[in-house]
Amino acid sequence: MTTELMVLFYFLLFAVAFLYASVGHGGASGYLALGAIFDIAKEVMRPTALLLNLFVSLTSFIQFYRGKHFIFRIFLPLALASVPMAFIGGSINIDTGIYKIMLGILLLIPIIRFLLFPNIPVKEIRKSNTGLSLLIGAAIGFISGMIGIGGGIILSPLLLLLKWTDQKQTAAISALFIFVNSFSGLLGQWTKGIHFNTNMISYVGVAFVGGLCGAYFGAMKFNQAVLRILLAFVLAFASYKLIFTVS
């Protein structure tokens, strides 16, 4: 990778971590999108994305927890079901072509969220359902572990659409959900062997700073419109590349 491309990669990595952390996400889908754009191997990016998730999501959770937005009773059944399934999913090594298509389709979720539904209004909070929470957690956990994400991009809109939480509560729950799923998925991948890039320390440093800034501003009022549009186009390009250039 040339120096110019490395600078662009790190800039986009910071932007991804910033925006995802500002809404309680770890950013794994964004990191995987960057991996697709810059032609980094799946075997490297899957564990890399989850490792970056650990740092960014924990930073985000601490900020939203300090703001008293975390609801443990909603988080618990989701996590109980998702953690073991994320481990199982992480231990599965799927075909590269199928993986690219699945990731490409999955990236459409944050694209739609960032462009069309940046703020899903929740005027009336409803009581959560434990049985449904377990089902949702198990499904998201399995998919997350298999693809190499934390699952926040799937969980967040579901919580808001079900009206179990408001925006800030969703961010707090999603952040910790992503952390435990990422850790479990990483352990699952570990059983099959993990390959990390030699630039991992710098990746973690850039993502951590971006996540720290994003979580801080996300817990406050901050206009992210321009950054959302930029990230949505980056994800759209990665989605197109993944789906239509499968080898």
C-alpha atoms as a PDB file:
ATOM      1  CA  MET A   1       0.000   0.000   0.000  1.00  0.00           C
ATOM      2  CA  THR A   2       1.463   3.405  -1.000  1.00  0.00           C
ATOM      3  CA  THR A   3       1.957   6.222   1.507  1.00  0.00           C
ATOM      4  CA  GLU A   4      -0.972   8.172   0.030  1.00  0.00           C
ATOM      5  CA  LEU A   5      -3.270   5.158   0.366  1.00  0.00           C
ATOM      6  CA  MET A   6      -2.101   4.536   3.932  1.00  0.00           C
ATOM      7  CA  VAL A   7      -2.929   8.138   4.878  1.00  0.00           C
ATOM      8  CA  LEU A   8      -6.379   7.781   3.308  1.00  0.00           C
ATOM      9  CA  PHE A   9      -6.911   4.449   5.073  1.00  0.00           C
ATOM     10  CA  TYR A  10      -6.066   5.909   8.486  1.00  0.00           C
ATOM     11  CA  PHE A  11      -8.264   8.958   7.875  1.00  0.00           C
ATOM     12  CA  LEU A  12     -11.223   6.730   6.996  1.00  0.00           C
ATOM     13  CA  LEU A  13     -10.442   4.427   9.930  1.00  0.00           C
ATOM     14  CA  PHE A  14     -10.615   7.404  12.301  1.00  0.00           C
ATOM     15  CA  ALA A  15     -13.885   8.591  10.693  1.00  0.00           C
ATOM     16  CA  VAL A  16     -15.450   5.129  10.945  1.00  0.00           C
ATOM     17  CA  ALA A  17     -14.494   4.743  14.619  1.00  0.00           C
ATOM     18  CA  PHE A  18     -15.701   8.282  15.405  1.00  0.00           C
ATOM     19  CA  LEU A  19     -19.132   7.974  13.837  1.00  0.00           C
ATOM     20  CA  TYR A  20     -19.855   4.423  14.956  1.00  0.00           C
ATOM     21  CA  ALA A  21     -18.795   5.152  18.545  1.00  0.00           C
ATOM     22  CA  SER A  22     -20.996   8.258  18.592  1.00  0.00           C
ATOM     23  CA  VAL A  23     -24.062   5.991  18.268  1.00  0.00           C
ATOM     24  CA  GLY A  24     -22.752   3.216  20.532  1.00  0.00           C
ATOM     25  CA  HIS A  25     -21.281   0.978  17.829  1.00  0.00           C
ATOM     26  CA  GLY A  26     -17.846  -0.593  17.607  1.00  0.00           C
ATOM     27  CA  GLY A  27     -17.468  -0.065  13.872  1.00  0.00           C
ATOM     28  CA  ALA A  28     -16.550  -3.597  12.739  1.00  0.00           C
ATOM     29  CA  SER A  29     -18.737  -3.437   9.638  1.00  0.00           C
ATOM     30  CA  GLY A  30     -16.996  -0.183   8.716  1.00  0.00           C
ATOM     31  CA  TYR A  31     -13.543  -1.674   9.312  1.00  0.00           C
ATOM     32  CA  LEU A  32     -14.450  -4.682   7.172  1.00  0.00           C
ATOM     33  CA  ALA A  33     -15.684  -2.302   4.477  1.00  0.00           C
ATOM     34  CA  LEU A  34     -12.310  -0.541   4.514  1.00  0.00           C
ATOM     35  CA  GLY A  35     -10.612  -3.916   4.298  1.00  0.00           C
ATOM     36  CA  ALA A  36     -12.645  -4.689   1.173  1.00  0.00           C
ATOM     37  CA  ILE A  37     -11.835  -1.336  -0.425  1.00  0.00           C
ATOM     38  CA  PHE A  38      -8.104  -1.612   0.290  1.00  0.00           C
ATOM     39  CA  ASP A  39      -7.953  -5.338  -0.596  1.00  0.00           C
ATOM     40  CA  ILE A  40      -6.944  -6.610   2.846  1.00  0.00           C
ATOM     41  CA  ALA A  41      -7.529 -10.371   3.142  1.00  0.00           C
ATOM     42  CA  LYS A  42     -10.624 -11.649   4.947  1.00  0.00           C
ATOM     43  CA  GLU A  43      -8.430 -13.838   7.184  1.00  0.00           C
ATOM     44  CA  VAL A  44      -6.737 -10.682   8.459  1.00  0.00           C
ATOM     45  CA  MET A  45      -9.729  -8.335   8.619  1.00  0.00           C
ATOM     46  CA  ARG A  46     -12.160 -10.601  10.505  1.00  0.00           C
ATOM     47  CA  PRO A  47     -10.075 -10.749  13.717  1.00  0.00           C
ATOM     48  CA  THR A  48      -8.762  -7.225  13.166  1.00  0.00           C
ATOM     49  CA  ALA A  49     -12.283  -5.778  13.038  1.00  0.00           C
ATOM     50  CA  LEU A  50     -13.278  -7.579  16.234  1.00  0.00           C
ATOM     51  CA  LEU A  51     -10.140  -6.467  18.050  1.00  0.00           C
ATOM     52  CA  LEU A  52     -10.762  -2.845  17.055  1.00  0.00           C
ATOM     53  CA  ASN A  53     -14.361  -3.334  18.173  1.00  0.00           C
ATOM     54  CA  LEU A  54     -13.214  -4.213  21.696  1.00  0.00           C
ATOM     55  CA  PHE A  55     -11.407  -0.902  22.162  1.00  0.00           C
ATOM     56  CA  VAL A  56     -13.978   1.342  20.465  1.00  0.00           C
ATOM     57  CA  SER A  57     -17.138  -0.232  21.904  1.00  0.00           C
ATOM     58  CA  LEU A  58     -15.777  -0.266  25.471  1.00  0.00           C
ATOM     59  CA  THR A  59     -14.822   3.401  25.167  1.00  0.00           C
ATOM     60  CA  SER A  60     -18.289   4.193  23.840  1.00  0.00           C
ATOM     61  CA  PHE A  61     -20.014   2.175  26.577  1.00  0.00           C
ATOM     62  CA  ILE A  62     -18.135   3.968  29.361  1.00  0.00           C
ATOM     63  CA  GLN A  63     -19.223   7.360  28.043  1.00  0.00           C
ATOM     64  CA  PHE A  64     -22.892   6.396  27.697  1.00  0.00           C
ATOM     65  CA  TYR A  65     -22.856   4.519  31.027  1.00  0.00           C
ATOM     66  CA  ARG A  66     -21.537   7.608  32.763  1.00  0.00           C
ATOM     67  CA  GLY A  67     -24.485   9.441  31.248  1.00  0.00           C
ATOM     68  CA  LYS A  68     -26.786   6.904  32.999  1.00  0.00           C
ATOM     69  CA  HIS A  69     -28.277   5.551  29.779  1.00  0.00           C
ATOM     70  CA  PHE A  70     -27.544   1.833  30.339  1.00  0.00           C
ATOM     71  CA  ILE A  71     -30.430  -0.568  31.159  1.00  0.00           C
ATOM     72  CA  PHE A  72     -29.107  -3.887  32.457  1.00  0.00           C
ATOM     73  CA  ARG A  73     -32.422  -5.804  32.374  1.00  0.00           C
ATOM     74  CA  ILE A  74     -32.714  -5.290  28.613  1.00  0.00           C
ATOM     75  CA  PHE A  75     -29.056  -6.053  27.956  1.00  0.00           C
ATOM     76  CA  LEU A  76     -28.872  -9.300  29.992  1.00  0.00           C
ATOM     77  CA  PRO A  77     -31.111 -11.680  27.955  1.00  0.00           C
ATOM     78  CA  LEU A  78     -29.693 -10.341  24.703  1.00  0.00           C
ATOM     79  CA  ALA A  79     -26.136 -11.043  25.867  1.00  0.00           C
ATOM     80  CA  LEU A  80     -26.892 -14.416  27.451  1.00  0.00           C
ATOM     81  CA  ALA A  81     -28.128 -15.726  24.114  1.00  0.00           C
ATOM     82  CA  SER A  82     -25.670 -13.927  21.853  1.00  0.00           C
ATOM     83  CA  VAL A  83     -22.331 -14.690  23.528  1.00  0.00           C
ATOM     84  CA  PRO A  84     -22.320 -18.496  23.036  1.00  0.00           C
ATOM     85  CA  MET A  85     -23.716 -18.131  19.518  1.00  0.00           C
ATOM     86  CA  ALA A  86     -21.042 -15.565  18.627  1.00  0.00           C
ATOM     87  CA  PHE A  87     -18.406 -18.093  19.700  1.00  0.00           C
ATOM     88  CA  ILE A  88     -19.968 -20.765  17.497  1.00  0.00           C
ATOM     89  CA  GLY A  89     -20.254 -18.350  14.579  1.00  0.00           C
ATOM     90  CA  GLY A  90     -16.658 -17.234  15.033  1.00  0.00           C
ATOM     91  CA  SER A  91     -15.430 -20.821  14.824  1.00  0.00           C
ATOM     92  CA  ILE A  92     -17.018 -21.241  11.385  1.00  0.00           C
ATOM     93  CA  ASN A  93     -14.819 -20.427   8.404  1.00  0.00           C
ATOM     94  CA  ILE A  94     -17.190 -19.820   5.500  1.00  0.00           C
ATOM     95  CA  ASP A  95     -16.314 -19.689   1.805  1.00  0.00           C
ATOM     96  CA  THR A  96     -14.736 -16.352   0.787  1.00  0.00           C
ATOM     97  CA  GLY A  97     -17.250 -15.724  -2.010  1.00  0.00           C
ATOM     98  CA  ILE A  98     -20.240 -16.337   0.266  1.00  0.00           C
ATOM     99  CA  TYR A  99     -18.619 -14.244   2.996  1.00  0.00           C
ATOM    100  CA  LYS A 100     -18.187 -11.256   0.660  1.00  0.00           C
ATOM    101  CA  ILE A 101     -21.818 -11.381  -0.478  1.00  0.00           C
ATOM    102  CA  MET A 102     -23.095 -11.666   3.112  1.00  0.00           C
ATOM    103  CA  LEU A 103     -20.936  -8.755   4.255  1.00  0.00           C
ATOM    104  CA  GLY A 104     -21.909  -6.680   1.217  1.00  0.00           C
ATOM    105  CA  ILE A 105     -25.605  -7.175   1.972  1.00  0.00           C
ATOM    106  CA  LEU A 106     -25.060  -6.528   5.683  1.00  0.00           C
ATOM    107  CA  LEU A 107     -23.413  -3.186   4.906  1.00  0.00           C
ATOM    108  CA  LEU A 108     -26.699  -2.000   3.418  1.00  0.00           C
ATOM    109  CA  ILE A 109     -28.121  -1.758   6.963  1.00  0.00           C
ATOM    110  CA  PRO A 110     -25.825   1.044   8.202  1.00  0.00           C
ATOM    111  CA  ILE A 111     -26.049   2.762   4.789  1.00  0.00           C
ATOM    112  CA  ILE A 112     -29.841   2.952   5.062  1.00  0.00           C
ATOM    113  CA  ARG A 113     -29.585   3.910   8.733  1.00  0.00           C
ATOM    114  CA  PHE A 114     -27.071   6.729   8.202  1.00  0.00           C
ATOM    115  CA  LEU A 115     -28.744   8.211   5.115  1.00  0.00           C
ATOM    116  CA  LEU A 116     -32.477   7.664   5.622  1.00  0.00           C
ATOM    117  CA  PHE A 117     -33.014   7.052   9.336  1.00  0.00           C
ATOM    118  CA  PRO A 118     -30.251   8.826  11.287  1.00  0.00           C
ATOM    119  CA  ASN A 119     -32.667   9.375  14.162  1.00  0.00           C
ATOM    120  CA  ILE A 120     -35.512   6.925  14.707  1.00  0.00           C
ATOM    121  CA  PRO A 121     -37.960   8.719  17.033  1.00  0.00           C
ATOM    122  CA  VAL A 122     -39.209   6.821  20.091  1.00  0.00           C
ATOM    123  CA  LYS A 123     -42.003   8.729  21.797  1.00  0.00           C
ATOM    124  CA  GLU A 124     -43.339   5.917  23.974  1.00  0.00           C
ATOM    125  CA  ILE A 125     -41.119   3.264  25.614  1.00  0.00           C
ATOM    126  CA  ARG A 126     -42.569  -0.252  25.675  1.00  0.00           C
ATOM    127  CA  LYS A 127     -41.685  -3.118  28.019  1.00  0.00           C
ATOM    128  CA  SER A 128     -39.135  -5.536  26.561  1.00  0.00           C
ATOM    129  CA  ASN A 129     -39.976  -9.202  25.955  1.00  0.00           C
ATOM    130  CA  THR A 130     -37.507 -11.734  27.411  1.00  0.00           C
ATOM    131  CA  GLY A 131     -38.324 -14.546  24.978  1.00  0.00           C
ATOM    132  CA  LEU A 132     -37.973 -12.288  21.954  1.00  0.00           C
ATOM    133  CA  SER A 133     -34.783 -10.813  23.424  1.00  0.00           C
ATOM    134  CA  LEU A 134     -33.228 -14.284  23.666  1.00  0.00           C
ATOM    135  CA  LEU A 135     -34.206 -15.070  20.076  1.00  0.00           C
ATOM    136  CA  ILE A 136     -32.835 -11.760  18.778  1.00  0.00           C
ATOM    137  CA  GLY A 137     -29.626 -12.143  20.768  1.00  0.00           C
ATOM    138  CA  ALA A 138     -28.991 -15.683  19.519  1.00  0.00           C
ATOM    139  CA  ALA A 139     -29.571 -14.783  15.869  1.00  0.00           C
ATOM    140  CA  ILE A 140     -27.445 -11.628  15.955  1.00  0.00           C
ATOM    141  CA  GLY A 141     -24.702 -13.370  17.926  1.00  0.00           C
ATOM    142  CA  PHE A 142     -24.362 -16.189  15.385  1.00  0.00           C
ATOM    143  CA  ILE A 143     -24.288 -13.856  12.381  1.00  0.00           C
ATOM    144  CA  SER A 144     -21.893 -11.490  14.154  1.00  0.00           C
ATOM    145  CA  GLY A 145     -19.393 -14.192  15.021  1.00  0.00           C
ATOM    146  CA  MET A 146     -19.474 -15.680  11.526  1.00  0.00           C
ATOM    147  CA  ILE A 147     -18.993 -12.353   9.709  1.00  0.00           C
ATOM    148  CA  GLY A 148     -16.675 -10.717  12.237  1.00  0.00           C
ATOM    149  CA  ILE A 149     -18.799  -7.881  13.630  1.00  0.00           C
ATOM    150  CA  GLY A 150     -20.265  -7.046  17.019  1.00  0.00           C
ATOM    151  CA  GLY A 151     -23.896  -6.945  15.894  1.00  0.00           C
ATOM    152  CA  GLY A 152     -24.704  -3.384  16.894  1.00  0.00           C
ATOM    153  CA  ILE A 153     -25.751  -2.357  13.391  1.00  0.00           C
ATOM    154  CA  ILE A 154     -28.493  -5.008  13.575  1.00  0.00           C
ATOM    155  CA  LEU A 155     -29.441  -4.630  17.240  1.00  0.00           C
ATOM    156  CA  SER A 156     -29.734  -0.838  17.392  1.00  0.00           C
ATOM    157  CA  PRO A 157     -32.494  -0.349  14.803  1.00  0.00           C
ATOM    158  CA  LEU A 158     -34.382  -3.340  16.248  1.00  0.00           C
ATOM    159  CA  LEU A 159     -34.378  -1.863  19.757  1.00  0.00           C
ATOM    160  CA  LEU A 160     -35.620   1.451  18.407  1.00  0.00           C
ATOM    161  CA  LEU A 161     -38.266  -0.085  16.148  1.00  0.00           C
ATOM    162  CA  LEU A 162     -39.511  -2.272  19.011  1.00  0.00           C
ATOM    163  CA  LYS A 163     -39.533   0.908  21.146  1.00  0.00           C
ATOM    164  CA  TRP A 164     -37.779  -0.780  24.051  1.00  0.00           C
ATOM    165  CA  THR A 165     -35.227   2.027  24.387  1.00  0.00           C
ATOM    166  CA  ASP A 166     -34.580   5.589  23.286  1.00  0.00           C
ATOM    167  CA  GLN A 167     -31.542   6.701  21.241  1.00  0.00           C
ATOM    168  CA  LYS A 168     -29.107   7.081  24.152  1.00  0.00           C
ATOM    169  CA  GLN A 169     -30.225   3.886  25.894  1.00  0.00           C
ATOM    170  CA  THR A 170     -29.879   2.014  22.606  1.00  0.00           C
ATOM    171  CA  ALA A 171     -26.333   3.308  22.203  1.00  0.00           C
ATOM    172  CA  ALA A 172     -25.368   2.231  25.730  1.00  0.00           C
ATOM    173  CA  ILE A 173     -26.830  -1.273  25.384  1.00  0.00           C
ATOM    174  CA  SER A 174     -25.436  -1.769  21.878  1.00  0.00           C
ATOM    175  CA  ALA A 175     -21.941  -0.729  22.949  1.00  0.00           C
ATOM    176  CA  LEU A 176     -21.659  -3.386  25.668  1.00  0.00           C
ATOM    177  CA  PHE A 177     -23.470  -5.943  23.480  1.00  0.00           C
ATOM    178  CA  ILE A 178     -20.846  -5.352  20.783  1.00  0.00           C
ATOM    179  CA  PHE A 179     -18.003  -5.697  23.287  1.00  0.00           C
ATOM    180  CA  VAL A 180     -19.081  -9.086  24.662  1.00  0.00           C
ATOM    181  CA  ASN A 181     -19.973 -10.429  21.208  1.00  0.00           C
ATOM    182  CA  SER A 182     -16.681  -9.267  19.724  1.00  0.00           C
ATOM    183  CA  PHE A 183     -14.742 -10.943  22.531  1.00  0.00           C
ATOM    184  CA  SER A 184     -16.701 -14.173  22.125  1.00  0.00           C
ATOM    185  CA  GLY A 185     -16.419 -14.130  18.333  1.00  0.00           C
ATOM    186  CA  LEU A 186     -12.675 -13.497  18.597  1.00  0.00           C
ATOM    187  CA  LEU A 187     -12.317 -16.514  20.890  1.00  0.00           C
ATOM    188  CA  GLY A 188     -14.243 -18.593  18.357  1.00  0.00           C
ATOM    189  CA  GLN A 189     -11.900 -17.464  15.587  1.00  0.00           C
ATOM    190  CA  TRP A 190      -8.921 -18.221  17.832  1.00  0.00           C
ATOM    191  CA  THR A 191      -9.857 -21.917  17.789  1.00  0.00           C
ATOM    192  CA  LYS A 192      -9.297 -21.945  14.014  1.00  0.00           C
ATOM    193  CA  GLY A 193      -6.196 -19.742  13.990  1.00  0.00           C
ATOM    194  CA  ILE A 194      -5.934 -15.940  13.748  1.00  0.00           C
ATOM    195  CA  HIS A 195      -3.814 -13.784  11.440  1.00  0.00           C
ATOM    196  CA  PHE A 196      -3.115 -10.168  12.402  1.00  0.00           C
ATOM    197  CA  ASN A 197      -1.623  -7.410  10.265  1.00  0.00           C
ATOM    198  CA  THR A 198       1.806  -6.045  11.243  1.00  0.00           C
ATOM    199  CA  ASN A 199       0.220  -2.569  11.417  1.00  0.00           C
ATOM    200  CA  MET A 200      -2.242  -3.692  14.110  1.00  0.00           C
ATOM    201  CA  ILE A 201      -0.885  -1.400  16.837  1.00  0.00           C
ATOM    202  CA  SER A 202      -1.344   1.690  14.671  1.00  0.00           C
ATOM    203  CA  TYR A 203      -4.833   0.494  13.632  1.00  0.00           C
ATOM    204  CA  VAL A 204      -5.830   0.169  17.288  1.00  0.00           C
ATOM    205  CA  GLY A 205      -4.342   3.575  18.133  1.00  0.00           C
ATOM    206  CA  VAL A 206      -6.202   5.428  15.379  1.00  0.00           C
ATOM    207  CA  ALA A 207      -9.484   3.604  16.048  1.00  0.00           C
ATOM    208  CA  PHE A 208      -9.187   4.158  19.799  1.00  0.00           C
ATOM    209  CA  VAL A 209      -8.696   7.915  19.420  1.00  0.00           C
ATOM    210  CA  GLY A 210     -11.527   8.115  16.884  1.00  0.00           C
ATOM    211  CA  GLY A 211     -13.793   6.094  19.147  1.00  0.00           C
ATOM    212  CA  LEU A 212     -12.917   8.170  22.187  1.00  0.00           C
ATOM    213  CA  CYS A 213     -13.771  11.396  20.367  1.00  0.00           C
ATOM    214  CA  GLY A 214     -16.937   9.950  18.827  1.00  0.00           C
ATOM    215  CA  ALA A 215     -18.224   8.543  22.115  1.00  0.00           C
ATOM    216  CA  TYR A 216     -17.610  11.854  23.884  1.00  0.00           C
ATOM    217  CA  PHE A 217     -19.432  13.939  21.283  1.00  0.00           C
ATOM    218  CA  GLY A 218     -22.104  11.275  20.787  1.00  0.00           C
ATOM    219  CA  ALA A 219     -23.114  11.473  24.427  1.00  0.00           C
ATOM    220  CA  MET A 220     -23.661  15.202  23.824  1.00  0.00           C
ATOM    221  CA  LYS A 221     -25.475  17.063  21.056  1.00  0.00           C
ATOM    222  CA  PHE A 222     -23.369  16.966  17.925  1.00  0.00           C
ATOM    223  CA  ASN A 223     -24.246  17.406  14.243  1.00  0.00           C
ATOM    224  CA  GLN A 224     -22.815  14.411  12.373  1.00  0.00           C
ATOM    225  CA  ALA A 225     -24.632  14.929   9.062  1.00  0.00           C
ATOM    226  CA  VAL A 226     -21.570  15.437   6.842  1.00  0.00           C
ATOM    227  CA  LEU A 227     -19.656  12.551   8.414  1.00  0.00           C
ATOM    228  CA  ARG A 228     -22.695  10.259   8.094  1.00  0.00           C
ATOM    229  CA  ILE A 229     -22.990  10.994   4.380  1.00  0.00           C
ATOM    230  CA  LEU A 230     -19.267  10.442   3.829  1.00  0.00           C
ATOM    231  CA  LEU A 231     -19.307   7.132   5.663  1.00  0.00           C
ATOM    232  CA  ALA A 232     -22.469   5.981   3.877  1.00  0.00           C
ATOM    233  CA  PHE A 233     -20.780   6.475   0.500  1.00  0.00           C
ATOM    234  CA  VAL A 234     -17.668   4.616   1.676  1.00  0.00           C
ATOM    235  CA  LEU A 235     -19.837   1.711   2.848  1.00  0.00           C
ATOM    236  CA  ALA A 236     -21.835   1.797  -0.400  1.00  0.00           C
ATOM    237  CA  PHE A 237     -18.659   1.531  -2.472  1.00  0.00           C
ATOM    238  CA  ALA A 238     -17.428  -1.354  -0.321  1.00  0.00           C
ATOM    239  CA  SER A 239     -20.818  -3.092  -0.568  1.00  0.00           C
ATOM    240  CA  TYR A 240     -20.785  -2.803  -4.366  1.00  0.00           C
ATOM    241  CA  LYS A 241     -17.229  -4.124  -4.546  1.00  0.00           C
ATOM    242  CA  LEU A 242     -17.996  -7.055  -2.262  1.00  0.00           C
ATOM    243  CA  ILE A 243     -21.200  -8.132  -4.029  1.00  0.00           C
ATOM    244  CA  PHE A 244     -20.287  -7.544  -7.664  1.00  0.00           C
ATOM    245  CA  THR A 245     -16.582  -8.397  -7.753  1.00  0.00           C
ATOM    246  CA  VAL A 246     -16.740 -11.798  -6.096  1.00  0.00           C
ATOM    247  CA  SER A 247     -14.038 -14.143  -7.391  1.00  0.00           C
END
